[in-house]
Amino acid sequence: MICDMCGKDGATSKKVTRSFGKKKNLLIIEDIPVLSCPSCGESYMLAETMHEIERIKMHRHSFAQKRSIEVTAFA
């Protein structure tokens, strides 16, 4: 795949997990597709992915499953 940043071939798709919001508004979305380029080192999401993230955030109560998670701070 051609990298949108540097134009070189070799960009690959990988899945990442990202968090949005804080405390009671925290939403964690898993398996987000991100393109990563080994040539320039950039990682980025396509516009379609960003739109889907916004849709998920807007309708979070329809999609989200409650899970208890451990949280710690980097000391």
C-alpha atoms as a PDB file:
ATOM      1  CA  MET A   1       0.000   0.000   0.000  1.00  0.00           C
ATOM      2  CA  ILE A   2       1.252   3.507  -0.801  1.00  0.00           C
ATOM      3  CA  CYS A   3       1.852   5.795   2.196  1.00  0.00           C
ATOM      4  CA  ASP A   4      -0.242   8.980   2.108  1.00  0.00           C
ATOM      5  CA  MET A   5       2.555  10.851   3.924  1.00  0.00           C
ATOM      6  CA  CYS A   6       5.723  10.003   1.984  1.00  0.00           C
ATOM      7  CA  GLY A   7       4.306   8.328  -1.145  1.00  0.00           C
ATOM      8  CA  LYS A   8       6.455   5.210  -0.803  1.00  0.00           C
ATOM      9  CA  ASP A   9       5.147   1.672  -1.088  1.00  0.00           C
ATOM     10  CA  GLY A  10       5.090  -0.571   1.975  1.00  0.00           C
ATOM     11  CA  ALA A  11       2.513   0.919   4.345  1.00  0.00           C
ATOM     12  CA  THR A  12       0.722  -1.818   6.266  1.00  0.00           C
ATOM     13  CA  SER A  13      -2.444  -1.942   8.315  1.00  0.00           C
ATOM     14  CA  LYS A  14      -2.337  -2.831  11.989  1.00  0.00           C
ATOM     15  CA  LYS A  15      -4.956  -2.826  14.757  1.00  0.00           C
ATOM     16  CA  VAL A  16      -4.605  -0.560  17.790  1.00  0.00           C
ATOM     17  CA  THR A  17      -6.568   0.282  20.922  1.00  0.00           C
ATOM     18  CA  ARG A  18      -7.264   3.927  21.797  1.00  0.00           C
ATOM     19  CA  SER A  19      -8.991   5.609  24.715  1.00  0.00           C
ATOM     20  CA  PHE A  20     -11.276   8.622  24.424  1.00  0.00           C
ATOM     21  CA  GLY A  21     -12.505  10.838  27.261  1.00  0.00           C
ATOM     22  CA  LYS A  22     -11.800  10.616  30.990  1.00  0.00           C
ATOM     23  CA  LYS A  23     -13.247   9.072  34.146  1.00  0.00           C
ATOM     24  CA  LYS A  24     -16.987   8.398  33.725  1.00  0.00           C
ATOM     25  CA  ASN A  25     -16.796   9.418  30.047  1.00  0.00           C
ATOM     26  CA  LEU A  26     -13.906   7.043  29.275  1.00  0.00           C
ATOM     27  CA  LEU A  27     -14.446   4.937  26.162  1.00  0.00           C
ATOM     28  CA  ILE A  28     -11.879   2.435  24.927  1.00  0.00           C
ATOM     29  CA  ILE A  29     -12.146   1.318  21.310  1.00  0.00           C
ATOM     30  CA  GLU A  30     -10.240  -1.820  20.321  1.00  0.00           C
ATOM     31  CA  ASP A  31      -9.139  -3.073  16.892  1.00  0.00           C
ATOM     32  CA  ILE A  32      -8.965   0.340  15.201  1.00  0.00           C
ATOM     33  CA  PRO A  33      -7.240  -0.020  11.801  1.00  0.00           C
ATOM     34  CA  VAL A  34      -4.182   2.233  11.499  1.00  0.00           C
ATOM     35  CA  LEU A  35      -1.812   2.458   8.538  1.00  0.00           C
ATOM     36  CA  SER A  36       1.865   2.381   9.438  1.00  0.00           C
ATOM     37  CA  CYS A  37       4.735   3.228   7.094  1.00  0.00           C
ATOM     38  CA  PRO A  38       8.170   1.657   7.652  1.00  0.00           C
ATOM     39  CA  SER A  39       9.808   4.235   5.354  1.00  0.00           C
ATOM     40  CA  CYS A  40       8.799   7.480   7.088  1.00  0.00           C
ATOM     41  CA  GLY A  41       7.626   6.073  10.430  1.00  0.00           C
ATOM     42  CA  GLU A  42       4.205   7.723  10.269  1.00  0.00           C
ATOM     43  CA  SER A  43       1.048   6.028  11.522  1.00  0.00           C
ATOM     44  CA  TYR A  44      -2.320   7.412  10.527  1.00  0.00           C
ATOM     45  CA  MET A  45      -6.008   6.624  10.178  1.00  0.00           C
ATOM     46  CA  LEU A  46      -8.066   6.973   7.037  1.00  0.00           C
ATOM     47  CA  ALA A  47     -10.967   9.441   6.983  1.00  0.00           C
ATOM     48  CA  GLU A  48     -13.448   6.551   6.939  1.00  0.00           C
ATOM     49  CA  THR A  49     -11.927   5.207  10.145  1.00  0.00           C
ATOM     50  CA  MET A  50     -12.181   8.622  11.832  1.00  0.00           C
ATOM     51  CA  HIS A  51     -15.839   8.902  10.810  1.00  0.00           C
ATOM     52  CA  GLU A  52     -16.543   5.442  12.222  1.00  0.00           C
ATOM     53  CA  ILE A  53     -14.842   6.378  15.514  1.00  0.00           C
ATOM     54  CA  GLU A  54     -17.055   9.468  15.771  1.00  0.00           C
ATOM     55  CA  ARG A  55     -20.139   7.334  15.041  1.00  0.00           C
ATOM     56  CA  ILE A  56     -19.137   4.836  17.728  1.00  0.00           C
ATOM     57  CA  LYS A  57     -18.548   7.647  20.226  1.00  0.00           C
ATOM     58  CA  MET A  58     -21.926   9.209  19.425  1.00  0.00           C
ATOM     59  CA  HIS A  59     -23.778   5.893  19.841  1.00  0.00           C
ATOM     60  CA  ARG A  60     -21.496   4.437  22.503  1.00  0.00           C
ATOM     61  CA  HIS A  61     -24.340   3.091  24.643  1.00  0.00           C
ATOM     62  CA  SER A  62     -25.516   0.911  21.736  1.00  0.00           C
ATOM     63  CA  PHE A  63     -22.054  -0.591  21.147  1.00  0.00           C
ATOM     64  CA  ALA A  64     -20.160  -0.515  24.427  1.00  0.00           C
ATOM     65  CA  GLN A  65     -19.808  -3.392  26.849  1.00  0.00           C
ATOM     66  CA  LYS A  66     -18.989  -2.602  30.460  1.00  0.00           C
ATOM     67  CA  ARG A  67     -15.731  -4.135  31.714  1.00  0.00           C
ATOM     68  CA  SER A  68     -13.805  -3.520  34.878  1.00  0.00           C
ATOM     69  CA  ILE A  69     -10.201  -2.555  34.220  1.00  0.00           C
ATOM     70  CA  GLU A  70      -7.148  -1.916  36.346  1.00  0.00           C
ATOM     71  CA  VAL A  71      -5.660   1.569  36.148  1.00  0.00           C
ATOM     72  CA  THR A  72      -2.308   2.778  37.399  1.00  0.00           C
ATOM     73  CA  ALA A  73      -0.152   5.877  37.059  1.00  0.00           C
ATOM     74  CA  PHE A  74       3.376   6.014  35.706  1.00  0.00           C
ATOM     75  CA  ALA A  75       5.438   7.076  38.723  1.00  0.00           C
END
